[in-house]
């Protein structure tokens, strides 16, 4: 497990949204039910 400091990302609403959109696009067909 690798942890990263995402404070800068959280402080930029557009960057955060763009990042989430990228994750959604990448994993939307992977049948993921839980993220911890």
N, C-alpha and C. Protein backbone atom coordinates (compact mmCIF):
# COMPACT_ATOMS: atom_id res chain seq x y z
N UNK A 1 0.85 -1.17 0.00
CA UNK A 1 0.00 0.00 0.00
C UNK A 1 0.89 1.23 0.00
N UNK A 2 0.57 2.15 -0.87
CA UNK A 2 1.32 3.40 -0.95
C UNK A 2 0.37 4.56 -0.69
N UNK A 3 0.74 5.41 0.25
CA UNK A 3 -0.07 6.57 0.59
C UNK A 3 0.57 7.82 0.02
N UNK A 4 -0.24 8.70 -0.52
CA UNK A 4 0.23 9.97 -1.07
C UNK A 4 -0.50 11.11 -0.38
N UNK A 5 0.17 12.24 -0.25
CA UNK A 5 -0.47 13.44 0.29
C UNK A 5 -1.28 14.08 -0.83
N UNK A 6 -2.59 14.10 -0.67
CA UNK A 6 -3.47 14.65 -1.71
C UNK A 6 -4.08 15.99 -1.30
N UNK A 7 -3.46 16.65 -0.31
CA UNK A 7 -3.98 17.93 0.17
C UNK A 7 -4.15 18.94 -0.95
N UNK A 8 -3.13 19.08 -1.79
CA UNK A 8 -3.19 20.03 -2.90
C UNK A 8 -4.36 19.72 -3.82
N UNK A 9 -4.57 18.45 -4.10
CA UNK A 9 -5.68 18.04 -4.95
C UNK A 9 -7.02 18.38 -4.31
N UNK A 10 -7.14 18.15 -3.02
CA UNK A 10 -8.40 18.44 -2.33
C UNK A 10 -8.70 19.93 -2.27
N UNK A 11 -7.68 20.75 -2.33
CA UNK A 11 -7.88 22.20 -2.26
C UNK A 11 -8.26 22.82 -3.61
N UNK A 12 -8.21 22.02 -4.66
CA UNK A 12 -8.54 22.51 -6.01
C UNK A 12 -9.75 21.74 -6.52
N UNK A 13 -10.95 22.30 -6.37
CA UNK A 13 -12.17 21.57 -6.74
C UNK A 13 -12.18 21.04 -8.18
N UNK A 14 -11.70 21.82 -9.13
CA UNK A 14 -11.71 21.36 -10.53
C UNK A 14 -10.74 20.20 -10.73
N UNK A 15 -9.56 20.30 -10.15
CA UNK A 15 -8.58 19.21 -10.26
C UNK A 15 -9.11 17.95 -9.59
N UNK A 16 -9.77 18.10 -8.45
CA UNK A 16 -10.35 16.95 -7.76
C UNK A 16 -11.42 16.29 -8.63
N UNK A 17 -12.31 17.09 -9.19
CA UNK A 17 -13.36 16.56 -10.07
C UNK A 17 -12.76 15.85 -11.27
N UNK A 18 -11.76 16.46 -11.89
CA UNK A 18 -11.12 15.85 -13.06
C UNK A 18 -10.49 14.51 -12.70
N UNK A 19 -9.87 14.44 -11.53
CA UNK A 19 -9.24 13.20 -11.08
C UNK A 19 -10.29 12.12 -10.86
N UNK A 20 -11.38 12.47 -10.19
CA UNK A 20 -12.45 11.50 -9.95
C UNK A 20 -13.04 11.03 -11.28
N UNK A 21 -13.24 11.95 -12.20
CA UNK A 21 -13.77 11.58 -13.52
C UNK A 21 -12.84 10.59 -14.23
N UNK A 22 -11.53 10.79 -14.11
CA UNK A 22 -10.57 9.87 -14.72
C UNK A 22 -10.67 8.48 -14.09
N UNK A 23 -10.78 8.43 -12.77
CA UNK A 23 -10.92 7.14 -12.09
C UNK A 23 -12.21 6.45 -12.50
N UNK A 24 -13.30 7.20 -12.56
CA UNK A 24 -14.59 6.62 -12.96
C UNK A 24 -14.48 6.03 -14.36
N UNK A 25 -13.92 6.78 -15.28
CA UNK A 25 -13.79 6.30 -16.66
C UNK A 25 -12.92 5.05 -16.73
N UNK A 26 -11.83 5.05 -16.00
CA UNK A 26 -10.88 3.93 -16.05
C UNK A 26 -11.47 2.65 -15.47
N UNK A 27 -12.25 2.76 -14.39
CA UNK A 27 -12.68 1.57 -13.66
C UNK A 27 -14.17 1.28 -13.75
N UNK A 28 -14.92 2.01 -14.57
CA UNK A 28 -16.38 1.85 -14.58
C UNK A 28 -16.84 0.46 -15.00
N UNK A 29 -16.08 -0.26 -15.76
CA UNK A 29 -16.48 -1.59 -16.22
C UNK A 29 -15.78 -2.72 -15.48
N UNK A 30 -15.20 -2.42 -14.32
CA UNK A 30 -14.42 -3.41 -13.57
C UNK A 30 -15.21 -4.13 -12.49
N UNK A 31 -16.49 -3.82 -12.34
CA UNK A 31 -17.35 -4.47 -11.34
C UNK A 31 -16.78 -4.33 -9.92
N UNK A 32 -16.31 -3.15 -9.57
CA UNK A 32 -15.77 -2.87 -8.24
C UNK A 32 -16.94 -2.53 -7.33
N UNK A 33 -17.01 -3.18 -6.16
CA UNK A 33 -18.12 -2.93 -5.25
C UNK A 33 -17.71 -2.18 -3.98
N UNK A 34 -16.40 -2.20 -3.64
CA UNK A 34 -15.95 -1.56 -2.41
C UNK A 34 -14.59 -0.92 -2.65
N UNK A 35 -14.42 0.29 -2.11
CA UNK A 35 -13.12 0.95 -2.10
C UNK A 35 -12.82 1.29 -0.66
N UNK A 36 -11.66 0.85 -0.18
CA UNK A 36 -11.31 1.09 1.24
C UNK A 36 -10.26 2.16 1.37
